[in-house]
Amino acid sequence: MRSVEPVSVGWVFRPERADNVEEHVGKQVRSVGSAVDEGGRVDVVLSDGARVRAYRHEVVPG
């Protein structure tokens, strides 16, 4: 029998735009809100406590 190693999956903020979020590129994501605004973005809290509005496709496994 093969032992199973635990896997840790995290999420990273990878924006595809340049509207004052470039300082947060590559930061680990702590949480993602479920409510989508009229522009299609959700609230994202990063590991350092920063809050940004992001499109769901900008939060990627990492």
N, C-alpha and C. Protein backbone atom coordinates (compact mmCIF):
# COMPACT_ATOMS: atom_id res chain seq x y z
N MET A 1 0.83 -1.17 0.00
CA MET A 1 0.00 0.00 0.00
C MET A 1 0.88 1.24 0.00
N ARG A 2 0.50 2.22 -0.80
CA ARG A 2 1.24 3.47 -0.92
C ARG A 2 0.73 4.50 0.07
N SER A 3 1.63 5.20 0.74
CA SER A 3 1.19 6.25 1.65
C SER A 3 0.80 7.49 0.85
N VAL A 4 -0.12 8.22 1.39
CA VAL A 4 -0.60 9.43 0.73
C VAL A 4 -0.04 10.64 1.47
N GLU A 5 0.60 11.51 0.71
CA GLU A 5 1.16 12.74 1.27
C GLU A 5 0.10 13.83 1.26
N PRO A 6 0.02 14.63 2.32
CA PRO A 6 -0.94 15.74 2.31
C PRO A 6 -0.53 16.78 1.26
N VAL A 7 -1.52 17.39 0.67
CA VAL A 7 -1.28 18.41 -0.34
C VAL A 7 -1.86 19.72 0.14
N SER A 8 -1.10 20.76 0.00
CA SER A 8 -1.56 22.09 0.37
C SER A 8 -1.82 22.88 -0.91
N VAL A 9 -3.03 23.35 -1.07
CA VAL A 9 -3.38 24.13 -2.25
C VAL A 9 -3.64 25.56 -1.82
N GLY A 10 -3.02 26.49 -2.48
CA GLY A 10 -3.21 27.90 -2.17
C GLY A 10 -3.64 28.65 -3.41
N TRP A 11 -3.99 29.90 -3.21
CA TRP A 11 -4.42 30.75 -4.31
C TRP A 11 -3.56 32.01 -4.31
N VAL A 12 -3.29 32.53 -5.50
CA VAL A 12 -2.44 33.70 -5.67
C VAL A 12 -3.18 34.73 -6.52
N PHE A 13 -2.97 36.00 -6.20
CA PHE A 13 -3.58 37.09 -6.96
C PHE A 13 -2.70 37.41 -8.16
N ARG A 14 -3.24 37.24 -9.37
CA ARG A 14 -2.53 37.53 -10.61
C ARG A 14 -3.39 38.41 -11.51
N PRO A 15 -3.39 39.72 -11.25
CA PRO A 15 -4.22 40.63 -12.06
C PRO A 15 -3.70 40.78 -13.48
N GLU A 16 -4.62 41.01 -14.40
CA GLU A 16 -4.28 41.23 -15.80
C GLU A 16 -4.56 42.67 -16.19
N ARG A 17 -4.45 43.57 -15.24
CA ARG A 17 -4.74 44.98 -15.48
C ARG A 17 -3.75 45.83 -14.70
N ALA A 18 -3.73 47.10 -14.99
CA ALA A 18 -2.79 48.01 -14.33
C ALA A 18 -3.53 49.17 -13.68
N ASP A 19 -4.40 48.87 -12.73
CA ASP A 19 -5.13 49.95 -12.05
C ASP A 19 -4.85 49.95 -10.55
N ASN A 20 -3.61 50.24 -10.21
CA ASN A 20 -3.17 50.37 -8.82
C ASN A 20 -3.21 49.07 -8.02
N VAL A 21 -3.07 47.93 -8.66
CA VAL A 21 -3.01 46.66 -7.93
C VAL A 21 -1.68 45.95 -8.15
N GLU A 22 -0.80 46.52 -8.96
CA GLU A 22 0.46 45.84 -9.28
C GLU A 22 1.31 45.55 -8.05
N GLU A 23 1.17 46.31 -6.98
CA GLU A 23 1.94 46.04 -5.76
C GLU A 23 1.51 44.75 -5.08
N HIS A 24 0.34 44.22 -5.46
CA HIS A 24 -0.19 43.00 -4.85
C HIS A 24 0.01 41.74 -5.70
N VAL A 25 0.62 41.88 -6.85
CA VAL A 25 0.81 40.74 -7.75
C VAL A 25 1.60 39.63 -7.06
N GLY A 26 1.07 38.41 -7.13
CA GLY A 26 1.76 37.25 -6.59
C GLY A 26 1.52 36.98 -5.12
N LYS A 27 0.76 37.83 -4.43
CA LYS A 27 0.50 37.61 -3.01
C LYS A 27 -0.49 36.47 -2.81
N GLN A 28 -0.31 35.74 -1.72
CA GLN A 28 -1.22 34.66 -1.37
C GLN A 28 -2.58 35.23 -1.00
N VAL A 29 -3.63 34.52 -1.37
CA VAL A 29 -5.00 34.94 -1.09
C VAL A 29 -5.47 34.27 0.19
N ARG A 30 -6.03 35.06 1.11
CA ARG A 30 -6.58 34.54 2.36
C ARG A 30 -8.05 34.16 2.19
N SER A 31 -8.83 35.02 1.51
CA SER A 31 -10.25 34.72 1.30
C SER A 31 -10.78 35.45 0.08
N VAL A 32 -11.86 34.90 -0.46
CA VAL A 32 -12.53 35.48 -1.63
C VAL A 32 -14.01 35.58 -1.30
N GLY A 33 -14.58 36.76 -1.52
CA GLY A 33 -16.00 36.95 -1.26
C GLY A 33 -16.86 36.25 -2.30
N SER A 34 -18.12 36.07 -1.97
CA SER A 34 -19.02 35.38 -2.90
C SER A 34 -19.90 36.35 -3.69
N ALA A 35 -20.04 37.58 -3.21
CA ALA A 35 -20.89 38.56 -3.90
C ALA A 35 -20.11 39.22 -5.03
N VAL A 36 -20.72 39.23 -6.21
CA VAL A 36 -20.10 39.83 -7.40
C VAL A 36 -20.71 41.21 -7.63
N ASP A 37 -19.86 42.22 -7.88
CA ASP A 37 -20.39 43.56 -8.14
C ASP A 37 -20.83 43.69 -9.60
N GLU A 38 -21.36 44.85 -9.95
CA GLU A 38 -21.87 45.07 -11.30
C GLU A 38 -20.78 44.97 -12.37
N GLY A 39 -19.53 45.11 -11.97
CA GLY A 39 -18.41 44.99 -12.91
C GLY A 39 -17.86 43.58 -13.00
N GLY A 40 -18.43 42.65 -12.24
CA GLY A 40 -17.98 41.26 -12.28
C GLY A 40 -16.83 40.94 -11.35
N ARG A 41 -16.58 41.81 -10.37
CA ARG A 41 -15.46 41.59 -9.43
C ARG A 41 -15.96 41.17 -8.06
N VAL A 42 -15.07 40.53 -7.30
CA VAL A 42 -15.36 40.10 -5.94
C VAL A 42 -14.32 40.70 -5.00
N ASP A 43 -14.65 40.73 -3.70
CA ASP A 43 -13.69 41.18 -2.69
C ASP A 43 -12.70 40.07 -2.43
N VAL A 44 -11.42 40.42 -2.39
CA VAL A 44 -10.36 39.46 -2.11
C VAL A 44 -9.52 40.02 -0.98
N VAL A 45 -9.24 39.18 0.04
CA VAL A 45 -8.35 39.57 1.14
C VAL A 45 -7.05 38.80 0.94
N LEU A 46 -5.96 39.53 0.90
CA LEU A 46 -4.65 38.93 0.69
C LEU A 46 -3.99 38.58 2.02
N SER A 47 -2.92 37.81 1.96
CA SER A 47 -2.26 37.31 3.17
C SER A 47 -1.74 38.41 4.08
N ASP A 48 -1.46 39.59 3.53
CA ASP A 48 -0.97 40.70 4.36
C ASP A 48 -2.11 41.58 4.88
N GLY A 49 -3.37 41.16 4.61
CA GLY A 49 -4.53 41.91 5.08
C GLY A 49 -5.07 42.92 4.08
N ALA A 50 -4.35 43.14 2.99
CA ALA A 50 -4.82 44.08 1.97
C ALA A 50 -6.11 43.54 1.33
N ARG A 51 -7.00 44.46 1.00
CA ARG A 51 -8.26 44.10 0.34
C ARG A 51 -8.26 44.70 -1.05
N VAL A 52 -8.59 43.88 -2.04
CA VAL A 52 -8.67 44.34 -3.42
C VAL A 52 -9.95 43.82 -4.05
N ARG A 53 -10.40 44.47 -5.12
CA ARG A 53 -11.52 43.98 -5.92
C ARG A 53 -10.88 43.28 -7.11
N ALA A 54 -11.27 42.04 -7.35
CA ALA A 54 -10.63 41.26 -8.41
C ALA A 54 -11.66 40.46 -9.19
N TYR A 55 -11.33 40.20 -10.44
CA TYR A 55 -12.12 39.27 -11.24
C TYR A 55 -11.75 37.87 -10.79
N ARG A 56 -12.70 36.96 -10.83
CA ARG A 56 -12.43 35.59 -10.36
C ARG A 56 -11.27 34.93 -11.09
N HIS A 57 -11.08 35.23 -12.37
CA HIS A 57 -9.98 34.61 -13.11
C HIS A 57 -8.61 35.15 -12.71
N GLU A 58 -8.58 36.21 -11.88
CA GLU A 58 -7.31 36.76 -11.40
C GLU A 58 -6.82 36.06 -10.13
N VAL A 59 -7.64 35.20 -9.57
CA VAL A 59 -7.24 34.41 -8.39
C VAL A 59 -6.98 32.99 -8.89
N VAL A 60 -5.70 32.62 -8.92
CA VAL A 60 -5.28 31.37 -9.54
C VAL A 60 -4.57 30.47 -8.54
N PRO A 61 -4.56 29.15 -8.79
CA PRO A 61 -3.81 28.25 -7.91
C PRO A 61 -2.34 28.61 -7.89
N GLY A 62 -1.74 28.52 -6.72
CA GLY A 62 -0.32 28.83 -6.68
C GLY A 62 0.33 28.58 -5.39
